[in-house]
Amino acid sequence: WDPERVKLRALGLTREMIEGHTIYKAVGCKECRHEGYRGRKGIFEMFTVNDVIRDMIFEMKTASELRIQARELGMRTLREQVQSMLHREPGTALRVPLARST
């Protein structure tokens, strides 16, 4: 089992896509409370609730339906955000987390 490959696959990435980028593992220090995230750039998936989404929530639409609508309204997934960053910022140092839905 290769955990790094699993993490890459979770983000829709391949080893070829990250070639030329440095990947770091967070090790932490006293200043960052041993979390290893001080000075790092966050990548987020944002789900904006507008009038359309709000109406869908009141109508008890499923999470899948909400996600489809949000995507149609321009929401970009975490995977897309990472892939876009790799293309915009060649040589970017990454700490690749396991992508999760919350």
C-alpha atoms as a PDB file:
ATOM      1  CA  TRP A   1       0.000   0.000   0.000  1.00  0.00           C
ATOM      2  CA  ASP A   2       1.402   3.342  -1.051  1.00  0.00           C
ATOM      3  CA  PRO A   3      -0.269   6.092   1.030  1.00  0.00           C
ATOM      4  CA  GLU A   4       1.176   8.863  -1.115  1.00  0.00           C
ATOM      5  CA  ARG A   5      -0.362   7.323  -4.242  1.00  0.00           C
ATOM      6  CA  VAL A   6      -3.702   7.046  -2.430  1.00  0.00           C
ATOM      7  CA  LYS A   7      -3.523  10.723  -1.446  1.00  0.00           C
ATOM      8  CA  LEU A   8      -2.643  11.749  -4.980  1.00  0.00           C
ATOM      9  CA  ARG A   9      -5.476   9.676  -6.407  1.00  0.00           C
ATOM     10  CA  ALA A  10      -7.896  11.230  -3.890  1.00  0.00           C
ATOM     11  CA  LEU A  11      -6.982  14.622  -5.354  1.00  0.00           C
ATOM     12  CA  GLY A  12      -7.197  13.401  -8.944  1.00  0.00           C
ATOM     13  CA  LEU A  13      -3.437  13.743  -9.430  1.00  0.00           C
ATOM     14  CA  THR A  14      -0.801  11.451 -10.865  1.00  0.00           C
ATOM     15  CA  ARG A  15       2.916  11.342 -10.163  1.00  0.00           C
ATOM     16  CA  GLU A  16       3.480  12.803 -13.636  1.00  0.00           C
ATOM     17  CA  MET A  17       1.292  15.805 -12.807  1.00  0.00           C
ATOM     18  CA  ILE A  18       3.367  16.665  -9.742  1.00  0.00           C
ATOM     19  CA  GLU A  19       6.709  16.097 -11.424  1.00  0.00           C
ATOM     20  CA  GLY A  20       8.885  19.141 -10.816  1.00  0.00           C
ATOM     21  CA  HIS A  21       6.981  20.068  -7.646  1.00  0.00           C
ATOM     22  CA  THR A  22       8.298  19.439  -4.154  1.00  0.00           C
ATOM     23  CA  ILE A  23       6.010  17.639  -1.739  1.00  0.00           C
ATOM     24  CA  TYR A  24       6.637  18.118   1.958  1.00  0.00           C
ATOM     25  CA  LYS A  25       5.342  16.245   4.950  1.00  0.00           C
ATOM     26  CA  ALA A  26       4.281  18.492   7.815  1.00  0.00           C
ATOM     27  CA  VAL A  27       6.630  17.942  10.743  1.00  0.00           C
ATOM     28  CA  GLY A  28       5.920  21.007  12.834  1.00  0.00           C
ATOM     29  CA  CYS A  29       7.811  23.142  15.295  1.00  0.00           C
ATOM     30  CA  LYS A  30       7.194  24.942  18.566  1.00  0.00           C
ATOM     31  CA  GLU A  31       5.946  28.075  16.743  1.00  0.00           C
ATOM     32  CA  CYS A  32       3.201  26.160  14.889  1.00  0.00           C
ATOM     33  CA  ARG A  33       2.285  23.898  17.829  1.00  0.00           C
ATOM     34  CA  HIS A  34       3.880  20.965  15.967  1.00  0.00           C
ATOM     35  CA  GLU A  35       1.220  21.033  13.254  1.00  0.00           C
ATOM     36  CA  GLY A  36       3.549  21.981  10.410  1.00  0.00           C
ATOM     37  CA  TYR A  37       1.226  24.440   8.696  1.00  0.00           C
ATOM     38  CA  ARG A  38       2.796  27.823   9.491  1.00  0.00           C
ATOM     39  CA  GLY A  39       3.396  29.793   6.289  1.00  0.00           C
ATOM     40  CA  ARG A  40       1.476  27.377   4.089  1.00  0.00           C
ATOM     41  CA  LYS A  41      -1.133  28.272   1.516  1.00  0.00           C
ATOM     42  CA  GLY A  42      -4.561  26.778   2.063  1.00  0.00           C
ATOM     43  CA  ILE A  43      -6.610  25.280  -0.760  1.00  0.00           C
ATOM     44  CA  PHE A  44     -10.336  25.180  -0.122  1.00  0.00           C
ATOM     45  CA  GLU A  45     -13.561  24.018  -1.662  1.00  0.00           C
ATOM     46  CA  MET A  46     -16.151  26.722  -1.111  1.00  0.00           C
ATOM     47  CA  PHE A  47     -19.875  26.046  -1.351  1.00  0.00           C
ATOM     48  CA  THR A  48     -21.621  29.420  -1.541  1.00  0.00           C
ATOM     49  CA  VAL A  49     -25.262  29.468  -0.493  1.00  0.00           C
ATOM     50  CA  ASN A  50     -27.157  31.815  -2.787  1.00  0.00           C
ATOM     51  CA  ASP A  51     -30.928  32.132  -3.335  1.00  0.00           C
ATOM     52  CA  VAL A  52     -31.070  29.109  -5.654  1.00  0.00           C
ATOM     53  CA  ILE A  53     -29.164  26.883  -3.232  1.00  0.00           C
ATOM     54  CA  ARG A  54     -31.159  28.213  -0.274  1.00  0.00           C
ATOM     55  CA  ASP A  55     -34.433  27.297  -2.040  1.00  0.00           C
ATOM     56  CA  MET A  56     -33.081  23.821  -2.782  1.00  0.00           C
ATOM     57  CA  ILE A  57     -32.188  23.361   0.891  1.00  0.00           C
ATOM     58  CA  PHE A  58     -35.711  24.388   1.936  1.00  0.00           C
ATOM     59  CA  GLU A  59     -37.070  21.920  -0.636  1.00  0.00           C
ATOM     60  CA  MET A  60     -34.997  19.168   1.058  1.00  0.00           C
ATOM     61  CA  LYS A  61     -32.967  18.404  -2.077  1.00  0.00           C
ATOM     62  CA  THR A  62     -30.244  15.783  -1.702  1.00  0.00           C
ATOM     63  CA  ALA A  63     -26.586  16.634  -1.150  1.00  0.00           C
ATOM     64  CA  SER A  64     -25.881  15.336  -4.653  1.00  0.00           C
ATOM     65  CA  GLU A  65     -28.457  17.672  -6.162  1.00  0.00           C
ATOM     66  CA  LEU A  66     -27.039  20.603  -4.206  1.00  0.00           C
ATOM     67  CA  ARG A  67     -23.516  19.766  -5.331  1.00  0.00           C
ATOM     68  CA  ILE A  68     -24.576  19.499  -8.987  1.00  0.00           C
ATOM     69  CA  GLN A  69     -26.270  22.906  -8.789  1.00  0.00           C
ATOM     70  CA  ALA A  70     -23.282  24.468  -7.033  1.00  0.00           C
ATOM     71  CA  ARG A  71     -20.989  23.111  -9.759  1.00  0.00           C
ATOM     72  CA  GLU A  72     -23.292  24.593 -12.418  1.00  0.00           C
ATOM     73  CA  LEU A  73     -23.008  27.920 -10.572  1.00  0.00           C
ATOM     74  CA  GLY A  74     -19.222  27.757 -10.759  1.00  0.00           C
ATOM     75  CA  MET A  75     -18.062  25.951  -7.621  1.00  0.00           C
ATOM     76  CA  ARG A  76     -14.673  24.306  -8.129  1.00  0.00           C
ATOM     77  CA  THR A  77     -13.822  21.113  -6.280  1.00  0.00           C
ATOM     78  CA  LEU A  78     -10.790  20.681  -4.081  1.00  0.00           C
ATOM     79  CA  ARG A  79      -9.260  18.497  -6.791  1.00  0.00           C
ATOM     80  CA  GLU A  80      -9.772  21.209  -9.387  1.00  0.00           C
ATOM     81  CA  GLN A  81      -8.268  23.812  -7.063  1.00  0.00           C
ATOM     82  CA  VAL A  82      -5.110  21.715  -6.556  1.00  0.00           C
ATOM     83  CA  GLN A  83      -4.777  20.947 -10.262  1.00  0.00           C
ATOM     84  CA  SER A  84      -5.249  24.631 -11.123  1.00  0.00           C
ATOM     85  CA  MET A  85      -2.619  25.676  -8.586  1.00  0.00           C
ATOM     86  CA  LEU A  86      -0.133  23.200 -10.057  1.00  0.00           C
ATOM     87  CA  HIS A  87      -0.661  24.708 -13.509  1.00  0.00           C
ATOM     88  CA  ARG A  88      -0.583  28.348 -12.301  1.00  0.00           C
ATOM     89  CA  GLU A  89       2.404  28.005 -10.001  1.00  0.00           C
ATOM     90  CA  PRO A  90       4.974  25.578 -11.428  1.00  0.00           C
ATOM     91  CA  GLY A  91       7.457  24.437  -8.820  1.00  0.00           C
ATOM     92  CA  THR A  92       5.008  24.973  -5.973  1.00  0.00           C
ATOM     93  CA  ALA A  93       5.811  23.027  -2.823  1.00  0.00           C
ATOM     94  CA  LEU A  94       2.806  20.962  -1.802  1.00  0.00           C
ATOM     95  CA  ARG A  95       1.675  19.112   1.236  1.00  0.00           C
ATOM     96  CA  VAL A  96      -0.924  16.803  -0.248  1.00  0.00           C
ATOM     97  CA  PRO A  97      -3.663  15.938   2.261  1.00  0.00           C
ATOM     98  CA  LEU A  98      -6.221  13.207   1.887  1.00  0.00           C
ATOM     99  CA  ALA A  99      -9.246  14.988   0.423  1.00  0.00           C
ATOM    100  CA  ARG A 100     -12.400  14.473   2.471  1.00  0.00           C
ATOM    101  CA  SER A 101     -15.982  15.625   2.290  1.00  0.00           C
ATOM    102  CA  THR A 102     -17.414  17.245   5.381  1.00  0.00           C
END
